Amino acid sequence: MDLSVSYIYGEAWTFTKKHGLKIAAMLLFSLLITFAVSLIGLPSGFLGDYFDAIQDGNRKAIEKLAESAGPNVFAAIAQYAIQFAICAATYALLIGCIRGNRTSLIDAFKLRPMTYVKFIAVEFLYAIIVIAGLFLLIVPGIYFGVRFAWAPYYVVEHEDASIIDAMKWSWAASDDRVLELLGLALIAIVVIVVVSIVGFMFLAISLASNSAPIIDSLAVVLIAVYLAASAFVSFAQAMAYTELDNKEF
């Protein structure tokens, strides 16, 4: 088992060059679908009125429209359900590309219905544990986050495993590897933060130019770069999981 930065991120870069477009497509698909679902509960003509208010600089109209939209429970539930479903399929695709046994977008979604349910349950349980740990002076939250982060991957690949099986496996697999895994996670965070900061800087420069073609072109480039960085980081995390899955204990 090799969790060194050079190996994990070196392999992640190799897989990103080979399969990065697929992962980027999944991430973009998730963003577009969830955005579309979020529009379901909006009043008729809301978007047109909202954009008009922005162009006119009418702050009161914008606030009034925001209040009129209100929370939509159905849209929120549907949005989260779709996000989790696509996330589960993305994990399956990442693992499949690394293992070489599930490399198409269609195959990635061919998980058992119960696997999606278990994936959502594991993600919620993981979130609760991490949040509870963060309230306990932050450090326990980070520790639990590293120890249980691999359960969602496990439950996607091992579809017969239970939620408890996945959590137990993640805890056992990450034993004595916390510092290595934390280091890999910190690098992933740095990559995304740097890409985001550079992106915002270039976006600010383009907005200052007041040139619509430049703004549109740069926006497309920034989205592409962000998706590529996200695919790279995702492969790194999936590589760490596959290495942990090779651990004997």
C-alpha atoms as a PDB file:
ATOM      1  CA  MET A   1       0.000   0.000   0.000  1.00  0.00           C
ATOM      2  CA  ASP A   2       1.436   3.342  -1.076  1.00  0.00           C
ATOM      3  CA  LEU A   3      -0.129   6.575   0.200  1.00  0.00           C
ATOM      4  CA  SER A   4       2.783   8.820  -0.690  1.00  0.00           C
ATOM      5  CA  VAL A   5       1.927  12.170  -2.258  1.00  0.00           C
ATOM      6  CA  SER A   6       4.035  11.469  -5.336  1.00  0.00           C
ATOM      7  CA  TYR A   7       2.320   8.150  -6.023  1.00  0.00           C
ATOM      8  CA  ILE A   8      -1.280   9.155  -5.273  1.00  0.00           C
ATOM      9  CA  TYR A   9      -1.201  12.451  -7.145  1.00  0.00           C
ATOM     10  CA  GLY A  10       1.004  11.052  -9.902  1.00  0.00           C
ATOM     11  CA  GLU A  11      -1.523   8.298 -10.575  1.00  0.00           C
ATOM     12  CA  ALA A  12      -4.381  10.781 -10.196  1.00  0.00           C
ATOM     13  CA  TRP A  13      -2.835  12.944 -12.919  1.00  0.00           C
ATOM     14  CA  THR A  14      -2.493   9.915 -15.205  1.00  0.00           C
ATOM     15  CA  PHE A  15      -6.149   8.957 -14.719  1.00  0.00           C
ATOM     16  CA  THR A  16      -7.257  12.575 -15.098  1.00  0.00           C
ATOM     17  CA  LYS A  17      -5.585  12.792 -18.504  1.00  0.00           C
ATOM     18  CA  LYS A  18      -7.250   9.534 -19.540  1.00  0.00           C
ATOM     19  CA  HIS A  19     -10.700   9.815 -17.959  1.00  0.00           C
ATOM     20  CA  GLY A  20     -10.912  13.406 -16.713  1.00  0.00           C
ATOM     21  CA  LEU A  21     -13.526  14.453 -19.268  1.00  0.00           C
ATOM     22  CA  LYS A  22     -15.926  11.819 -17.952  1.00  0.00           C
ATOM     23  CA  ILE A  23     -15.580  12.983 -14.358  1.00  0.00           C
ATOM     24  CA  ALA A  24     -15.842  16.633 -15.413  1.00  0.00           C
ATOM     25  CA  ALA A  25     -19.012  15.761 -17.337  1.00  0.00           C
ATOM     26  CA  MET A  26     -20.495  14.140 -14.229  1.00  0.00           C
ATOM     27  CA  LEU A  27     -19.662  17.164 -12.100  1.00  0.00           C
ATOM     28  CA  LEU A  28     -21.095  19.568 -14.669  1.00  0.00           C
ATOM     29  CA  PHE A  29     -24.192  17.388 -15.061  1.00  0.00           C
ATOM     30  CA  SER A  30     -24.721  17.515 -11.303  1.00  0.00           C
ATOM     31  CA  LEU A  31     -24.484  21.314 -11.267  1.00  0.00           C
ATOM     32  CA  LEU A  32     -26.875  21.735 -14.193  1.00  0.00           C
ATOM     33  CA  ILE A  33     -29.457  19.267 -12.892  1.00  0.00           C
ATOM     34  CA  THR A  34     -29.501  20.676  -9.375  1.00  0.00           C
ATOM     35  CA  PHE A  35     -29.791  24.202 -10.767  1.00  0.00           C
ATOM     36  CA  ALA A  36     -32.711  23.123 -12.955  1.00  0.00           C
ATOM     37  CA  VAL A  37     -34.445  21.453  -9.992  1.00  0.00           C
ATOM     38  CA  SER A  38     -33.976  24.582  -7.882  1.00  0.00           C
ATOM     39  CA  LEU A  39     -36.048  26.505 -10.433  1.00  0.00           C
ATOM     40  CA  ILE A  40     -39.094  24.272  -9.970  1.00  0.00           C
ATOM     41  CA  GLY A  41     -40.591  26.176  -7.061  1.00  0.00           C
ATOM     42  CA  LEU A  42     -39.987  29.668  -8.410  1.00  0.00           C
ATOM     43  CA  PRO A  43     -43.033  31.819  -9.280  1.00  0.00           C
ATOM     44  CA  SER A  44     -43.906  32.338 -12.937  1.00  0.00           C
ATOM     45  CA  GLY A  45     -41.742  35.036 -14.519  1.00  0.00           C
ATOM     46  CA  PHE A  46     -39.447  35.163 -11.505  1.00  0.00           C
ATOM     47  CA  LEU A  47     -36.167  34.912 -13.419  1.00  0.00           C
ATOM     48  CA  GLY A  48     -37.118  37.619 -15.913  1.00  0.00           C
ATOM     49  CA  ASP A  49     -38.174  40.011 -13.162  1.00  0.00           C
ATOM     50  CA  TYR A  50     -35.065  39.183 -11.127  1.00  0.00           C
ATOM     51  CA  PHE A  51     -32.637  39.874 -13.983  1.00  0.00           C
ATOM     52  CA  ASP A  52     -34.501  43.089 -14.821  1.00  0.00           C
ATOM     53  CA  ALA A  53     -34.173  44.217 -11.206  1.00  0.00           C
ATOM     54  CA  ILE A  54     -30.439  43.477 -11.278  1.00  0.00           C
ATOM     55  CA  GLN A  55     -29.941  45.447 -14.492  1.00  0.00           C
ATOM     56  CA  ASP A  56     -31.904  48.379 -13.086  1.00  0.00           C
ATOM     57  CA  GLY A  57     -30.015  48.211  -9.799  1.00  0.00           C
ATOM     58  CA  ASN A  58     -33.312  48.063  -7.926  1.00  0.00           C
ATOM     59  CA  ARG A  59     -32.252  46.629  -4.579  1.00  0.00           C
ATOM     60  CA  LYS A  60     -35.730  46.755  -3.047  1.00  0.00           C
ATOM     61  CA  ALA A  61     -37.184  44.829  -5.987  1.00  0.00           C
ATOM     62  CA  ILE A  62     -34.451  42.192  -5.669  1.00  0.00           C
ATOM     63  CA  GLU A  63     -35.149  41.751  -1.946  1.00  0.00           C
ATOM     64  CA  LYS A  64     -38.875  41.543  -2.561  1.00  0.00           C
ATOM     65  CA  LEU A  65     -38.434  38.908  -5.255  1.00  0.00           C
ATOM     66  CA  ALA A  66     -36.124  36.901  -2.988  1.00  0.00           C
ATOM     67  CA  GLU A  67     -38.762  36.955  -0.257  1.00  0.00           C
ATOM     68  CA  SER A  68     -41.500  35.950  -2.693  1.00  0.00           C
ATOM     69  CA  ALA A  69     -39.549  32.872  -3.789  1.00  0.00           C
ATOM     70  CA  GLY A  70     -39.449  31.443  -0.262  1.00  0.00           C
ATOM     71  CA  PRO A  71     -38.206  27.962   0.655  1.00  0.00           C
ATOM     72  CA  ASN A  72     -39.450  24.995  -1.377  1.00  0.00           C
ATOM     73  CA  VAL A  73     -39.212  21.750   0.565  1.00  0.00           C
ATOM     74  CA  PHE A  74     -39.982  19.535  -2.443  1.00  0.00           C
ATOM     75  CA  ALA A  75     -37.334  21.214  -4.598  1.00  0.00           C
ATOM     76  CA  ALA A  76     -34.776  20.997  -1.780  1.00  0.00           C
ATOM     77  CA  ILE A  77     -35.397  17.274  -1.211  1.00  0.00           C
ATOM     78  CA  ALA A  78     -35.284  16.542  -4.937  1.00  0.00           C
ATOM     79  CA  GLN A  79     -32.119  18.587  -5.300  1.00  0.00           C
ATOM     80  CA  TYR A  80     -30.279  16.732  -2.542  1.00  0.00           C
ATOM     81  CA  ALA A  81     -31.520  13.339  -3.746  1.00  0.00           C
ATOM     82  CA  ILE A  82     -30.229  14.014  -7.262  1.00  0.00           C
ATOM     83  CA  GLN A  83     -26.923  15.360  -5.970  1.00  0.00           C
ATOM     84  CA  PHE A  84     -26.335  12.269  -3.853  1.00  0.00           C
ATOM     85  CA  ALA A  85     -27.334   9.930  -6.700  1.00  0.00           C
ATOM     86  CA  ILE A  86     -24.900  11.584  -9.104  1.00  0.00           C
ATOM     87  CA  CYS A  87     -22.229  11.644  -6.398  1.00  0.00           C
ATOM     88  CA  ALA A  88     -22.623   7.891  -5.853  1.00  0.00           C
ATOM     89  CA  ALA A  89     -22.352   7.280  -9.599  1.00  0.00           C
ATOM     90  CA  THR A  90     -19.295   9.537  -9.748  1.00  0.00           C
ATOM     91  CA  TYR A  91     -17.611   7.528  -6.998  1.00  0.00           C
ATOM     92  CA  ALA A  92     -18.436   4.346  -8.889  1.00  0.00           C
ATOM     93  CA  LEU A  93     -16.963   5.823 -12.082  1.00  0.00           C
ATOM     94  CA  LEU A  94     -13.789   6.990 -10.302  1.00  0.00           C
ATOM     95  CA  ILE A  95     -13.222   3.558  -8.767  1.00  0.00           C
ATOM     96  CA  GLY A  96     -14.163   1.835 -12.016  1.00  0.00           C
ATOM     97  CA  CYS A  97     -11.670   3.889 -14.039  1.00  0.00           C
ATOM     98  CA  ILE A  98      -8.912   3.057 -11.562  1.00  0.00           C
ATOM     99  CA  ARG A  99      -9.848  -0.630 -11.394  1.00  0.00           C
ATOM    100  CA  GLY A 100     -10.509  -0.762 -15.140  1.00  0.00           C
ATOM    101  CA  ASN A 101     -13.901  -2.453 -14.742  1.00  0.00           C
ATOM    102  CA  ARG A 102     -16.470   0.380 -14.970  1.00  0.00           C
ATOM    103  CA  THR A 103     -15.344   3.165 -17.282  1.00  0.00           C
ATOM    104  CA  SER A 104     -18.517   4.411 -18.995  1.00  0.00           C
ATOM    105  CA  LEU A 105     -20.942   7.041 -17.733  1.00  0.00           C
ATOM    106  CA  ILE A 106     -23.904   4.715 -18.235  1.00  0.00           C
ATOM    107  CA  ASP A 107     -22.325   1.846 -16.300  1.00  0.00           C
ATOM    108  CA  ALA A 108     -21.544   4.212 -13.426  1.00  0.00           C
ATOM    109  CA  PHE A 109     -25.260   4.640 -12.763  1.00  0.00           C
ATOM    110  CA  LYS A 110     -25.952   0.886 -12.802  1.00  0.00           C
ATOM    111  CA  LEU A 111     -25.888   0.611  -9.046  1.00  0.00           C
ATOM    112  CA  ARG A 112     -28.573  -1.227  -7.106  1.00  0.00           C
ATOM    113  CA  PRO A 113     -31.351   1.049  -5.804  1.00  0.00           C
ATOM    114  CA  MET A 114     -30.463   0.033  -2.257  1.00  0.00           C
ATOM    115  CA  THR A 115     -26.838   1.054  -2.866  1.00  0.00           C
ATOM    116  CA  TYR A 116     -27.992   4.627  -3.500  1.00  0.00           C
ATOM    117  CA  VAL A 117     -29.989   4.514  -0.277  1.00  0.00           C
ATOM    118  CA  LYS A 118     -27.037   3.187   1.711  1.00  0.00           C
ATOM    119  CA  PHE A 119     -24.754   5.771   0.128  1.00  0.00           C
ATOM    120  CA  ILE A 120     -27.039   8.609   1.245  1.00  0.00           C
ATOM    121  CA  ALA A 121     -27.294   7.104   4.738  1.00  0.00           C
ATOM    122  CA  VAL A 122     -23.508   6.774   5.017  1.00  0.00           C
ATOM    123  CA  GLU A 123     -23.003  10.379   3.836  1.00  0.00           C
ATOM    124  CA  PHE A 124     -25.501  11.681   6.390  1.00  0.00           C
ATOM    125  CA  LEU A 125     -23.981   9.594   9.171  1.00  0.00           C
ATOM    126  CA  TYR A 126     -20.521  10.787   8.178  1.00  0.00           C
ATOM    127  CA  ALA A 127     -21.663  14.425   8.199  1.00  0.00           C
ATOM    128  CA  ILE A 128     -23.258  14.061  11.636  1.00  0.00           C
ATOM    129  CA  ILE A 129     -20.107  12.471  13.088  1.00  0.00           C
ATOM    130  CA  VAL A 130     -17.816  15.138  11.626  1.00  0.00           C
ATOM    131  CA  ILE A 131     -20.050  18.037  12.701  1.00  0.00           C
ATOM    132  CA  ALA A 132     -20.316  16.609  16.205  1.00  0.00           C
ATOM    133  CA  GLY A 133     -16.541  16.242  16.274  1.00  0.00           C
ATOM    134  CA  LEU A 134     -16.004  19.816  15.120  1.00  0.00           C
ATOM    135  CA  PHE A 135     -18.059  21.051  18.037  1.00  0.00           C
ATOM    136  CA  LEU A 136     -15.627  19.189  20.283  1.00  0.00           C
ATOM    137  CA  LEU A 137     -12.767  21.664  19.757  1.00  0.00           C
ATOM    138  CA  ILE A 138     -12.435  20.995  15.980  1.00  0.00           C
ATOM    139  CA  VAL A 139      -9.623  18.409  16.176  1.00  0.00           C
ATOM    140  CA  PRO A 140     -11.936  15.420  16.813  1.00  0.00           C
ATOM    141  CA  GLY A 141     -14.003  16.474  13.785  1.00  0.00           C
ATOM    142  CA  ILE A 142     -10.938  16.454  11.544  1.00  0.00           C
ATOM    143  CA  TYR A 143      -9.821  13.111  12.982  1.00  0.00           C
ATOM    144  CA  PHE A 144     -13.228  11.479  12.486  1.00  0.00           C
ATOM    145  CA  GLY A 145     -13.438  13.047   9.030  1.00  0.00           C
ATOM    146  CA  VAL A 146     -10.234  11.328   7.985  1.00  0.00           C
ATOM    147  CA  ARG A 147     -11.163   7.986   9.569  1.00  0.00           C
ATOM    148  CA  PHE A 148     -14.672   7.689   8.104  1.00  0.00           C
ATOM    149  CA  ALA A 149     -14.189   9.458   4.749  1.00  0.00           C
ATOM    150  CA  TRP A 150     -13.761   6.181   2.879  1.00  0.00           C
ATOM    151  CA  ALA A 151     -17.049   4.552   3.878  1.00  0.00           C
ATOM    152  CA  PRO A 152     -19.021   6.079   0.943  1.00  0.00           C
ATOM    153  CA  TYR A 153     -16.481   4.674  -1.540  1.00  0.00           C
ATOM    154  CA  TYR A 154     -16.648   1.266   0.113  1.00  0.00           C
ATOM    155  CA  VAL A 155     -20.436   1.039   0.077  1.00  0.00           C
ATOM    156  CA  VAL A 156     -20.498   1.958  -3.632  1.00  0.00           C
ATOM    157  CA  GLU A 157     -17.945  -0.671  -4.640  1.00  0.00           C
ATOM    158  CA  HIS A 158     -19.062  -3.380  -2.198  1.00  0.00           C
ATOM    159  CA  GLU A 159     -22.799  -3.251  -2.790  1.00  0.00           C
ATOM    160  CA  ASP A 160     -23.543  -6.156  -0.460  1.00  0.00           C
ATOM    161  CA  ALA A 161     -21.938  -4.360   2.482  1.00  0.00           C
ATOM    162  CA  SER A 162     -24.123  -2.762   5.118  1.00  0.00           C
ATOM    163  CA  ILE A 163     -23.815   0.798   6.360  1.00  0.00           C
ATOM    164  CA  ILE A 164     -22.147  -0.425   9.547  1.00  0.00           C
ATOM    165  CA  ASP A 165     -19.790  -2.638   7.530  1.00  0.00           C
ATOM    166  CA  ALA A 166     -18.682   0.386   5.495  1.00  0.00           C
ATOM    167  CA  MET A 167     -18.099   2.537   8.573  1.00  0.00           C
ATOM    168  CA  LYS A 168     -16.188  -0.230  10.359  1.00  0.00           C
ATOM    169  CA  TRP A 169     -14.047  -0.879   7.294  1.00  0.00           C
ATOM    170  CA  SER A 170     -13.181   2.803   6.868  1.00  0.00           C
ATOM    171  CA  TRP A 171     -12.151   3.035  10.524  1.00  0.00           C
ATOM    172  CA  ALA A 172      -9.992  -0.088  10.325  1.00  0.00           C
ATOM    173  CA  ALA A 173      -8.448   0.735   6.938  1.00  0.00           C
ATOM    174  CA  SER A 174      -7.385   4.225   8.000  1.00  0.00           C
ATOM    175  CA  ASP A 175      -5.835   3.054  11.259  1.00  0.00           C
ATOM    176  CA  ASP A 176      -2.211   4.276  11.569  1.00  0.00           C
ATOM    177  CA  ARG A 177      -2.620   6.226   8.313  1.00  0.00           C
ATOM    178  CA  VAL A 178      -4.262   9.387   9.584  1.00  0.00           C
ATOM    179  CA  LEU A 179      -1.318  11.722   9.010  1.00  0.00           C
ATOM    180  CA  GLU A 180      -0.747  10.452   5.464  1.00  0.00           C
ATOM    181  CA  LEU A 181      -4.426  10.769   4.601  1.00  0.00           C
ATOM    182  CA  LEU A 182      -4.641  14.193   6.205  1.00  0.00           C
ATOM    183  CA  GLY A 183      -1.675  15.324   4.128  1.00  0.00           C
ATOM    184  CA  LEU A 184      -3.365  14.132   0.935  1.00  0.00           C
ATOM    185  CA  ALA A 185      -6.555  15.960   1.907  1.00  0.00           C
ATOM    186  CA  LEU A 186      -4.687  19.198   2.632  1.00  0.00           C
ATOM    187  CA  ILE A 187      -3.058  19.093  -0.806  1.00  0.00           C
ATOM    188  CA  ALA A 188      -6.490  18.630  -2.382  1.00  0.00           C
ATOM    189  CA  ILE A 189      -7.785  21.656  -0.490  1.00  0.00           C
ATOM    190  CA  VAL A 190      -4.782  23.741  -1.561  1.00  0.00           C
ATOM    191  CA  VAL A 191      -5.302  22.797  -5.216  1.00  0.00           C
ATOM    192  CA  ILE A 192      -8.963  23.843  -5.186  1.00  0.00           C
ATOM    193  CA  VAL A 193      -8.289  27.028  -3.202  1.00  0.00           C
ATOM    194  CA  VAL A 194      -5.461  28.127  -5.517  1.00  0.00           C
ATOM    195  CA  VAL A 195      -7.526  27.430  -8.632  1.00  0.00           C
ATOM    196  CA  SER A 196     -10.458  29.352  -7.127  1.00  0.00           C
ATOM    197  CA  ILE A 197      -8.349  32.369  -6.125  1.00  0.00           C
ATOM    198  CA  VAL A 198      -6.625  32.584  -9.518  1.00  0.00           C
ATOM    199  CA  GLY A 199      -9.986  32.154 -11.217  1.00  0.00           C
ATOM    200  CA  PHE A 200     -11.595  34.984  -9.250  1.00  0.00           C
ATOM    201  CA  MET A 201      -8.618  37.225  -9.993  1.00  0.00           C
ATOM    202  CA  PHE A 202      -8.889  36.689 -13.733  1.00  0.00           C
ATOM    203  CA  LEU A 203     -12.662  37.038 -13.558  1.00  0.00           C
ATOM    204  CA  ALA A 204     -12.323  40.391 -11.783  1.00  0.00           C
ATOM    205  CA  ILE A 205      -9.884  41.562 -14.458  1.00  0.00           C
ATOM    206  CA  SER A 206     -12.246  40.496 -17.237  1.00  0.00           C
ATOM    207  CA  LEU A 207     -15.213  42.222 -15.591  1.00  0.00           C
ATOM    208  CA  ALA A 208     -13.164  45.399 -15.353  1.00  0.00           C
ATOM    209  CA  SER A 209     -12.624  45.260 -19.113  1.00  0.00           C
ATOM    210  CA  ASN A 210     -16.409  45.606 -19.688  1.00  0.00           C
ATOM    211  CA  SER A 211     -16.043  43.410 -22.777  1.00  0.00           C
ATOM    212  CA  ALA A 212     -18.819  40.807 -23.062  1.00  0.00           C
ATOM    213  CA  PRO A 213     -16.857  38.478 -25.420  1.00  0.00           C
ATOM    214  CA  ILE A 214     -13.851  38.500 -23.074  1.00  0.00           C
ATOM    215  CA  ILE A 215     -16.025  37.891 -20.018  1.00  0.00           C
ATOM    216  CA  ASP A 216     -17.917  35.024 -21.686  1.00  0.00           C
ATOM    217  CA  SER A 217     -14.755  33.389 -23.033  1.00  0.00           C
ATOM    218  CA  LEU A 218     -12.920  33.637 -19.741  1.00  0.00           C
ATOM    219  CA  ALA A 219     -15.929  32.304 -17.830  1.00  0.00           C
ATOM    220  CA  VAL A 220     -15.938  29.179 -20.021  1.00  0.00           C
ATOM    221  CA  VAL A 221     -12.193  28.716 -19.530  1.00  0.00           C
ATOM    222  CA  LEU A 222     -12.476  29.136 -15.754  1.00  0.00           C
ATOM    223  CA  ILE A 223     -15.294  26.596 -15.535  1.00  0.00           C
ATOM    224  CA  ALA A 224     -13.243  24.123 -17.578  1.00  0.00           C
ATOM    225  CA  VAL A 225     -10.157  24.635 -15.379  1.00  0.00           C
ATOM    226  CA  TYR A 226     -12.194  24.270 -12.186  1.00  0.00           C
ATOM    227  CA  LEU A 227     -13.813  21.057 -13.452  1.00  0.00           C
ATOM    228  CA  ALA A 228     -10.392  19.686 -14.441  1.00  0.00           C
ATOM    229  CA  ALA A 229      -8.981  20.501 -10.989  1.00  0.00           C
ATOM    230  CA  SER A 230     -12.004  18.881  -9.340  1.00  0.00           C
ATOM    231  CA  ALA A 231     -11.550  15.743 -11.470  1.00  0.00           C
ATOM    232  CA  PHE A 232      -7.855  15.611 -10.516  1.00  0.00           C
ATOM    233  CA  VAL A 233      -8.599  15.928  -6.804  1.00  0.00           C
ATOM    234  CA  SER A 234     -11.419  13.380  -7.065  1.00  0.00           C
ATOM    235  CA  PHE A 235      -9.107  10.839  -8.659  1.00  0.00           C
ATOM    236  CA  ALA A 236      -6.549  11.452  -5.905  1.00  0.00           C
ATOM    237  CA  GLN A 237      -9.154  10.695  -3.227  1.00  0.00           C
ATOM    238  CA  ALA A 238     -10.352   7.608  -5.093  1.00  0.00           C
ATOM    239  CA  MET A 239      -6.730   6.447  -5.482  1.00  0.00           C
ATOM    240  CA  ALA A 240      -6.276   6.762  -1.718  1.00  0.00           C
ATOM    241  CA  TYR A 241      -9.384   4.617  -1.216  1.00  0.00           C
ATOM    242  CA  THR A 242      -8.188   1.892  -3.588  1.00  0.00           C
ATOM    243  CA  GLU A 243      -4.857   1.801  -1.787  1.00  0.00           C
ATOM    244  CA  LEU A 244      -6.613   1.473   1.557  1.00  0.00           C
ATOM    245  CA  ASP A 245      -8.750  -1.298   0.101  1.00  0.00           C
ATOM    246  CA  ASN A 246      -5.573  -3.257  -0.568  1.00  0.00           C
ATOM    247  CA  LYS A 247      -4.585  -3.080   3.094  1.00  0.00           C
ATOM    248  CA  GLU A 248      -4.562  -6.349   4.998  1.00  0.00           C
ATOM    249  CA  PHE A 249      -6.039  -6.220   8.507  1.00  0.00           C
END
